[in-house]
Amino acid sequence: MSLVLVLTAGCLLPQSAVSAPVKQVRRVLILNVMGPLSSPGVALMDDAIVADLQKSPYQIELYSEDLEATLFPDEATQRQFREWYIRKYRDRKPDVIIAVGLEPLRFMVESHERFFPNTPIVFCGLTEEMLGELKLDSHFTGVWTVAQPEETLRAALSLQPGTKHVVVVGGTGVYDRYLEAIARESFRKYESRLEFTYLTDLGMPTLVERLKHLPEHTIVYHTSIMQDADGTLWIAVENTARRHNLVVCTLCSCYPWPVLGLPPTWYKSAPYRSRAVKDPRGVLAEFGVTLPESTEIRVWDSTAEVRYLVIPRRPAGSEALSEEELAALVTRDSMIGTGLPRSPQAAS
């Protein structure tokens, strides 16, 4: 899937602006490791990139492409994607390419000299450890994401000095495995003091059940679960003051049941499945959720392969609550977007 945007001023200009010099055109190609609809993290990075490009003195032609490395991780399919993009932009060379994630950066390392010579490559969305044996030449620049599992563990141990066990939770996706490897290496020096268990090869139902029966004095360290051992993709989307997320399954009744239990009857009904897409604000109002007009409502369509969970906004007045008290505020409906978490006053 590709997206083309032209970032420029409006067509109706005041008379004094008619003689203004025409801006030079610059083509910018964003190569995402996965589509913004598949990853809220990628969506945030893309939004930030677009916001900064709007400040450019040039007229920007913005092209956005996705390698969908989580949905299509096999090398044969990834090669087909790369070959298609090379053909697509052969006669429409970008002035700069932004690689978001490891797979786009690997694509550029392997092909830029032959197919995109002298094109600057800007990268983001990956750690330096993920680079492995890839070598970057002078055409590459960017910002590394910093993963610091040891610092996180130290902070947790300072809060829970009696800890005896550390359970590392993760998934089976490519990105999941990268973060697991970084965590394993970082925690190696603590293995003489603490017992480490890695729950990184389980389906979500089994994982949830195992987490219900942990021994006392245990810390759970979460890396990433883009995909579980059953092949299901798990994506958490966060509610903010600017955006509210709503989960639906337009085809049937796909639902994050391993985490939330069986879906309510209304979730499977045809009216909810159709109206949530056509009129999400109206549907939310029927559930008693009224949002400001300035709040964007984004609808996420679950499938048999991809399940979404909503991270609710933290209620006002909950800053001093414990983990258990915060958990009591979270409802099933708030985790699919049709409700809001309880207020601390209502919970008490």
Protein backbone atom coordinates (compact mmCIF):
# COMPACT_ATOMS: atom_id res chain seq x y z
CA MET A 1 0.00 0.00 0.00
CA SER A 2 1.37 3.41 -0.85
CA LEU A 3 0.41 6.94 0.06
CA VAL A 4 1.29 10.09 -1.85
CA LEU A 5 0.95 13.53 -0.30
CA VAL A 6 1.90 16.90 -1.67
CA LEU A 7 2.70 19.26 1.19
CA THR A 8 2.17 22.78 -0.10
CA ALA A 9 0.09 25.89 0.46
CA GLY A 10 -3.56 26.23 -0.50
CA CYS A 11 -4.71 27.16 -4.00
CA LEU A 12 -6.42 30.41 -3.01
CA LEU A 13 -3.63 32.89 -2.48
CA PRO A 14 -3.88 36.60 -1.71
CA GLN A 15 -2.98 38.93 -4.56
CA SER A 16 0.31 39.88 -2.95
CA ALA A 17 1.42 36.23 -2.97
CA VAL A 18 0.85 35.61 -6.67
CA SER A 19 4.31 36.83 -7.59
CA ALA A 20 5.99 34.79 -4.85
CA PRO A 21 8.70 32.45 -6.15
CA VAL A 22 7.61 28.89 -6.89
CA LYS A 23 8.98 26.41 -4.38
CA GLN A 24 11.33 23.76 -5.66
CA VAL A 25 9.94 20.22 -5.48
CA ARG A 26 11.62 17.58 -3.37
CA ARG A 27 10.51 13.94 -3.32
CA VAL A 28 10.61 12.13 0.02
CA LEU A 29 10.04 8.38 0.26
CA ILE A 30 9.21 6.82 3.65
CA LEU A 31 9.83 3.07 3.81
CA ASN A 32 8.07 1.61 6.86
CA VAL A 33 8.83 -1.77 8.40
CA MET A 34 5.04 -2.18 8.71
CA GLY A 35 2.00 -0.09 7.88
CA PRO A 36 0.86 2.66 10.28
CA LEU A 37 -2.44 0.80 10.69
CA SER A 38 -0.51 -2.26 11.88
CA SER A 39 1.69 -0.36 14.31
CA PRO A 40 0.78 2.68 16.40
CA GLY A 41 4.51 3.23 16.93
CA VAL A 42 5.13 3.53 13.21
CA ALA A 43 2.09 5.81 12.92
CA LEU A 44 3.53 8.17 15.56
CA MET A 45 6.91 8.28 13.82
CA ASP A 46 5.25 8.95 10.46
CA ASP A 47 3.13 11.73 11.97
CA ALA A 48 6.26 13.37 13.40
CA ILE A 49 8.06 13.10 10.06
CA VAL A 50 5.16 14.69 8.18
CA ALA A 51 4.87 17.49 10.77
CA ASP A 52 8.53 18.41 10.33
CA LEU A 53 8.38 18.17 6.54
CA GLN A 54 5.57 20.72 6.55
CA LYS A 55 8.12 23.25 7.82
CA SER A 56 10.40 22.65 4.83
CA PRO A 57 11.19 25.53 2.45
CA TYR A 58 10.52 23.11 -0.41
CA GLN A 59 7.31 21.75 -1.87
CA ILE A 60 7.38 18.16 -0.64
CA GLU A 61 6.06 15.22 -2.64
CA LEU A 62 5.73 12.59 0.06
CA TYR A 63 5.52 8.88 -0.79
CA SER A 64 4.91 6.23 1.88
CA GLU A 65 5.44 2.49 1.38
CA ASP A 66 5.25 -0.49 3.75
CA LEU A 67 7.29 -3.70 3.77
CA GLU A 68 4.85 -5.32 6.28
CA ALA A 69 7.69 -7.41 7.71
CA THR A 70 5.51 -8.80 10.51
CA LEU A 71 2.65 -9.97 8.29
CA PHE A 72 4.95 -11.22 5.50
CA PRO A 73 8.27 -12.12 7.15
CA ASP A 74 9.47 -14.74 4.65
CA GLU A 75 12.43 -13.71 2.53
CA ALA A 76 10.77 -14.57 -0.80
CA THR A 77 7.85 -12.18 -0.20
CA GLN A 78 10.13 -9.46 1.14
CA ARG A 79 12.26 -9.78 -2.00
CA GLN A 80 9.16 -9.31 -4.15
CA PHE A 81 8.25 -6.16 -2.22
CA ARG A 82 11.75 -4.76 -2.68
CA GLU A 83 11.86 -5.54 -6.40
CA TRP A 84 8.49 -3.87 -6.90
CA TYR A 85 9.57 -0.68 -5.12
CA ILE A 86 12.78 -0.57 -7.13
CA ARG A 87 10.77 -0.74 -10.37
CA LYS A 88 8.17 1.72 -9.10
CA TYR A 89 10.70 4.44 -8.27
CA ARG A 90 13.16 3.72 -11.08
CA ASP A 91 12.00 6.74 -13.07
CA ARG A 92 10.85 8.80 -10.11
CA LYS A 93 13.92 9.01 -7.93
CA PRO A 94 13.41 10.26 -4.36
CA ASP A 95 15.61 13.10 -3.14
CA VAL A 96 15.75 11.47 0.29
CA ILE A 97 14.61 8.09 1.64
CA ILE A 98 13.53 7.64 5.27
CA ALA A 99 13.89 4.04 6.50
CA VAL A 100 11.68 3.29 9.52
CA GLY A 101 12.75 0.00 11.08
CA LEU A 102 15.34 -2.70 10.40
CA GLU A 103 14.01 -4.28 7.21
CA PRO A 104 13.78 -0.97 5.30
CA LEU A 105 17.32 -0.10 6.42
CA ARG A 106 18.60 -3.51 5.31
CA PHE A 107 16.83 -2.99 1.97
CA MET A 108 18.62 0.33 1.50
CA VAL A 109 22.03 -1.01 2.57
CA GLU A 110 21.76 -3.79 -0.01
CA SER A 111 20.32 -1.77 -2.90
CA HIS A 112 20.88 1.98 -2.58
CA GLU A 113 24.28 2.05 -4.29
CA ARG A 114 22.90 0.30 -7.39
CA PHE A 115 19.35 1.60 -7.59
CA PHE A 116 19.36 4.83 -5.54
CA PRO A 117 22.92 6.15 -5.97
CA ASN A 118 23.82 9.31 -4.06
CA THR A 119 20.38 9.43 -2.39
CA PRO A 120 20.61 10.32 1.32
CA ILE A 121 19.12 7.69 3.64
CA VAL A 122 17.72 8.72 7.04
CA PHE A 123 16.91 5.89 9.46
CA CYS A 124 14.94 5.58 12.72
CA GLY A 125 12.94 3.02 14.66
CA LEU A 126 15.67 0.47 15.45
CA THR A 127 18.49 -0.07 17.92
CA GLU A 128 22.15 -0.14 16.97
CA GLU A 129 22.35 -3.74 18.19
CA MET A 130 19.83 -4.78 15.53
CA LEU A 131 22.20 -3.61 12.81
CA GLY A 132 24.40 -6.68 13.25
CA GLU A 133 26.90 -6.98 10.39
CA LEU A 134 25.25 -4.35 8.18
CA LYS A 135 27.65 -1.55 7.28
CA LEU A 136 26.45 2.01 6.76
CA ASP A 137 28.34 4.31 4.42
CA SER A 138 28.39 8.12 4.29
CA HIS A 139 24.95 8.26 2.63
CA PHE A 140 23.30 7.07 5.87
CA THR A 141 22.41 9.09 8.94
CA GLY A 142 19.72 8.81 11.59
CA VAL A 143 18.77 8.28 15.21
CA TRP A 144 19.13 5.02 17.10
CA THR A 145 16.45 3.80 19.47
CA VAL A 146 18.07 2.93 22.80
CA ALA A 147 17.05 -0.28 24.55
CA GLN A 148 18.26 -0.42 28.16
CA PRO A 149 16.84 -3.55 29.80
CA GLU A 150 19.46 -3.48 32.55
CA GLU A 151 18.49 0.04 33.61
CA THR A 152 14.83 -0.99 33.71
CA LEU A 153 15.69 -4.01 35.83
CA ARG A 154 17.76 -1.90 38.23
CA ALA A 155 14.85 0.49 38.70
CA ALA A 156 12.48 -2.41 39.37
CA LEU A 157 14.89 -3.96 41.91
CA SER A 158 15.21 -0.64 43.73
CA LEU A 159 11.42 -0.61 44.10
CA GLN A 160 11.20 -4.33 44.92
CA PRO A 161 14.46 -5.19 46.72
CA GLY A 162 13.13 -8.58 47.81
CA THR A 163 12.83 -9.85 44.24
CA LYS A 164 13.92 -13.46 43.66
CA HIS A 165 12.45 -14.23 40.24
CA VAL A 166 12.34 -12.36 36.93
CA VAL A 167 9.91 -13.51 34.25
CA VAL A 168 10.67 -12.15 30.78
CA VAL A 169 7.59 -12.03 28.56
CA GLY A 170 7.84 -11.70 24.78
CA GLY A 171 6.56 -12.88 21.44
CA THR A 172 7.81 -14.76 18.41
CA GLY A 173 7.87 -11.97 15.82
CA VAL A 174 11.12 -10.76 14.28
CA TYR A 175 11.12 -7.54 16.33
CA ASP A 176 10.13 -9.52 19.45
CA ARG A 177 13.15 -11.78 19.02
CA TYR A 178 15.53 -8.85 18.61
CA LEU A 179 14.40 -7.31 21.90
CA GLU A 180 14.51 -10.69 23.64
CA ALA A 181 18.13 -11.17 22.54
CA ILE A 182 19.08 -7.73 23.89
CA ALA A 183 17.36 -8.50 27.20
CA ARG A 184 19.05 -11.90 27.55
CA GLU A 185 22.48 -10.38 27.02
CA SER A 186 21.79 -7.52 29.43
CA PHE A 187 20.48 -9.80 32.19
CA ARG A 188 23.29 -12.35 32.00
CA LYS A 189 25.28 -10.70 34.80
CA TYR A 190 22.27 -11.00 37.15
CA GLU A 191 21.74 -14.74 36.68
CA SER A 192 23.79 -15.60 39.77
CA ARG A 193 21.49 -13.46 41.95
CA LEU A 194 18.07 -13.97 40.38
CA GLU A 195 16.14 -16.78 38.75
CA PHE A 196 15.17 -15.89 35.16
CA THR A 197 12.32 -17.51 33.24
CA TYR A 198 11.63 -16.64 29.59
CA LEU A 199 8.00 -16.98 28.52
CA THR A 200 8.61 -16.13 24.87
CA ASP A 201 7.30 -19.12 22.93
CA LEU A 202 3.68 -19.32 24.05
CA GLY A 203 0.29 -18.55 22.60
CA MET A 204 -1.54 -15.75 24.37
CA PRO A 205 -4.06 -18.02 26.22
CA THR A 206 -1.24 -20.12 27.66
CA LEU A 207 0.84 -17.06 28.50
CA VAL A 208 -2.01 -15.40 30.38
CA GLU A 209 -2.61 -18.59 32.35
CA ARG A 210 1.08 -18.89 33.28
CA LEU A 211 1.18 -15.28 34.46
CA LYS A 212 -1.74 -15.94 36.81
CA HIS A 213 0.36 -18.40 38.83
CA LEU A 214 3.70 -16.71 39.40
CA PRO A 215 5.53 -17.17 42.72
CA GLU A 216 5.89 -14.36 45.20
CA HIS A 217 8.76 -11.86 44.84
CA THR A 218 8.56 -11.94 41.04
CA ILE A 219 9.14 -9.13 38.55
CA VAL A 220 7.65 -9.41 35.05
CA TYR A 221 9.76 -7.78 32.35
CA HIS A 222 7.85 -7.25 29.08
CA THR A 223 9.88 -6.96 25.86
CA SER A 224 7.44 -6.99 22.93
CA ILE A 225 4.62 -9.20 21.70
CA MET A 226 3.95 -8.34 18.09
CA GLN A 227 3.14 -12.01 17.41
CA ASP A 228 2.52 -14.96 19.71
CA ALA A 229 3.36 -18.63 19.16
CA ASP A 230 -0.10 -19.25 17.67
CA GLY A 231 0.69 -16.77 14.89
CA THR A 232 -1.66 -14.05 16.16
CA LEU A 233 -0.48 -10.45 15.98
CA TRP A 234 -1.17 -8.37 19.12
CA ILE A 235 -1.25 -4.59 18.84
CA ALA A 236 -1.95 -2.21 21.74
CA VAL A 237 -3.20 1.27 20.80
CA GLU A 238 -3.08 4.09 23.34
CA ASN A 239 -5.86 6.60 24.00
CA THR A 240 -4.68 10.19 24.35
CA ALA A 241 -6.30 13.60 24.64
CA ARG A 242 -6.05 13.91 20.85
CA ARG A 243 -7.08 10.38 19.82
CA HIS A 244 -9.57 7.78 21.03
CA ASN A 245 -9.36 4.22 19.71
CA LEU A 246 -12.26 1.88 19.02
CA VAL A 247 -11.97 -1.84 18.23
CA VAL A 248 -14.36 -3.71 15.95
CA CYS A 249 -14.39 -6.80 13.74
CA THR A 250 -16.32 -5.95 10.58
CA LEU A 251 -16.22 -9.49 9.16
CA CYS A 252 -17.22 -11.63 12.14
CA SER A 253 -16.34 -11.49 15.84
CA CYS A 254 -12.54 -11.58 16.15
CA TYR A 255 -11.78 -10.39 19.68
CA PRO A 256 -8.85 -10.45 22.16
CA TRP A 257 -10.60 -13.17 24.16
CA PRO A 258 -7.40 -14.67 25.69
CA VAL A 259 -7.01 -11.38 27.57
CA LEU A 260 -10.59 -10.10 27.96
CA GLY A 261 -12.61 -13.32 27.91
CA LEU A 262 -15.51 -14.05 25.57
CA PRO A 263 -16.87 -11.05 23.61
CA PRO A 264 -20.16 -9.46 24.65
CA THR A 265 -23.16 -10.24 22.46
CA TRP A 266 -23.38 -6.71 21.07
CA TYR A 267 -19.77 -6.90 19.80
CA LYS A 268 -20.80 -9.69 17.43
CA SER A 269 -23.97 -7.95 16.25
CA ALA A 270 -24.28 -6.61 12.70
CA PRO A 271 -25.37 -3.09 13.84
CA TYR A 272 -22.23 -2.59 15.94
CA ARG A 273 -19.92 -4.04 13.28
CA SER A 274 -21.25 -1.70 10.60
CA ARG A 275 -22.01 1.46 12.55
CA ALA A 276 -18.71 1.48 14.44
CA VAL A 277 -17.03 2.19 11.11
CA LYS A 278 -19.65 4.54 9.64
CA ASP A 279 -20.50 6.53 12.77
CA PRO A 280 -18.02 5.79 15.57
CA ARG A 281 -18.86 8.99 17.46
CA GLY A 282 -22.56 8.13 17.46
CA VAL A 283 -21.85 4.57 18.62
CA LEU A 284 -19.68 5.82 21.47
CA ALA A 285 -22.42 8.24 22.53
CA GLU A 286 -24.83 5.29 22.84
CA PHE A 287 -22.33 3.68 25.21
CA GLY A 288 -22.25 6.88 27.25
CA VAL A 289 -18.88 8.07 25.93
CA THR A 290 -18.99 11.68 24.74
CA LEU A 291 -15.73 13.07 23.41
CA PRO A 292 -14.75 16.60 22.36
CA GLU A 293 -15.08 17.29 18.65
CA SER A 294 -11.34 17.92 18.58
CA THR A 295 -10.64 14.31 19.59
CA GLU A 296 -9.98 12.06 16.62
CA ILE A 297 -11.65 8.64 16.74
CA ARG A 298 -9.66 5.89 15.07
CA VAL A 299 -11.35 2.55 14.38
CA TRP A 300 -9.24 -0.62 14.35
CA ASP A 301 -10.60 -3.64 12.46
CA SER A 302 -9.59 -6.94 14.07
CA THR A 303 -9.00 -10.05 11.98
CA ALA A 304 -8.19 -13.68 12.64
CA GLU A 305 -4.49 -12.75 12.42
CA VAL A 306 -4.47 -9.35 14.17
CA ARG A 307 -6.02 -8.50 17.55
CA TYR A 308 -6.14 -5.00 19.02
CA LEU A 309 -6.28 -3.86 22.63
CA VAL A 310 -6.90 -0.29 23.79
CA ILE A 311 -4.71 1.24 26.50
CA PRO A 312 -7.14 3.61 28.30
CA ARG A 313 -6.16 7.09 29.41
CA ARG A 314 -5.20 7.29 33.04
CA PRO A 315 -8.07 8.87 35.01
CA ALA A 316 -7.49 12.16 36.79
CA GLY A 317 -6.73 11.76 40.46
CA SER A 318 -5.16 8.31 40.08
CA GLU A 319 -1.51 9.36 40.33
CA ALA A 320 -1.00 8.00 43.85
CA LEU A 321 -2.81 4.68 43.34
CA SER A 322 -1.07 1.31 43.57
CA GLU A 323 -0.94 -1.17 40.70
CA GLU A 324 -3.83 -3.14 42.16
CA GLU A 325 -5.92 0.01 42.64
CA LEU A 326 -5.21 1.13 39.06
CA ALA A 327 -6.17 -2.32 37.72
CA ALA A 328 -9.53 -2.00 39.45
CA LEU A 329 -10.28 1.09 37.34
CA VAL A 330 -9.81 -0.71 34.02
CA THR A 331 -12.93 -2.27 32.50
CA ARG A 332 -13.44 -4.63 29.60
CA ASP A 333 -15.18 -1.93 27.58
CA SER A 334 -12.35 0.54 28.19
CA MET A 335 -9.94 -1.94 26.60
CA ILE A 336 -11.91 -2.10 23.36
CA GLY A 337 -12.75 1.59 23.35
CA THR A 338 -16.49 1.53 24.00
CA GLY A 339 -16.01 2.73 27.56
CA LEU A 340 -13.74 4.76 29.79
CA PRO A 341 -11.95 3.55 32.92
CA ARG A 342 -13.67 4.12 36.25
CA SER A 343 -12.79 7.23 38.19
CA PRO A 344 -11.02 6.66 41.55
CA GLN A 345 -14.05 8.14 43.29
CA ALA A 346 -16.47 5.74 41.60
CA ALA A 347 -14.23 2.75 42.32
CA SER A 348 -14.13 3.59 46.02
